[in-house]
Structures are given as C-alpha cells and as structure tokens.
C-alpha cells in the first residue's frame, strides 16, 4: 500500500514493518504433538528493531521513517513517495529482515 504523503510525520516517507507474532514450537514425539514454549515477542522485537531500522535507513536514506511492530501477520506498508515501486520496496525490506533474523542470537 502506498500513499502520497506521510501525515503528521517529520519524515517525507515512511516504511511500517509488522512482524508476525512468534508461534509455539511444535514437535511430534511418539505420535503425539508436543507444543513447546512460545518465543518472547517483546524480546525478539527489542533484539531486531535497531538492526531493521538501521538496514532500512541505510538502503532508503535517513529521511525515511521506520516503525517496527508485532501483529497477527507479517506486512510491509509504505507511506509517501519512493523512487522504487511498492513491490521493490517490500522485496528490499524482506531481504533486510532475512539478514537481520539470520544474524539473530537471543542467548
């Protein structure tokens, strides 16, 4: 979704990233489904928020506002004018997210 301006914002354009809430780890042992603990969403968000914002601003410039939150499903929304098409922005953000999560160490 792309709109013309970023209302009530100090930025000319923005990218809103919604990460899917973590789900419990599920395994099957001796024919029974075993649900493990659900990863802590707040801890994950705190760990990835900085690198995601830095990665997006490195790619699209520091004049781009970035918000990162958790929700039911993953989503990337753009607000304002970008040189790239919305699909290209989403693809670039997906690459940044993939790199961020591949480097993630919560231990």
Foldseek 3Di string as FASTA:
>chain_A
DEEAADPPDPARKEKEKEAEQFDFDWDADPNDIDTHDTPDRVLVCVQQVVQLQVQLCVVQNPSYHYHYYYDNHIDMDMYHDDPDDPVVSVVSSVVSVVVSVVPDDSD
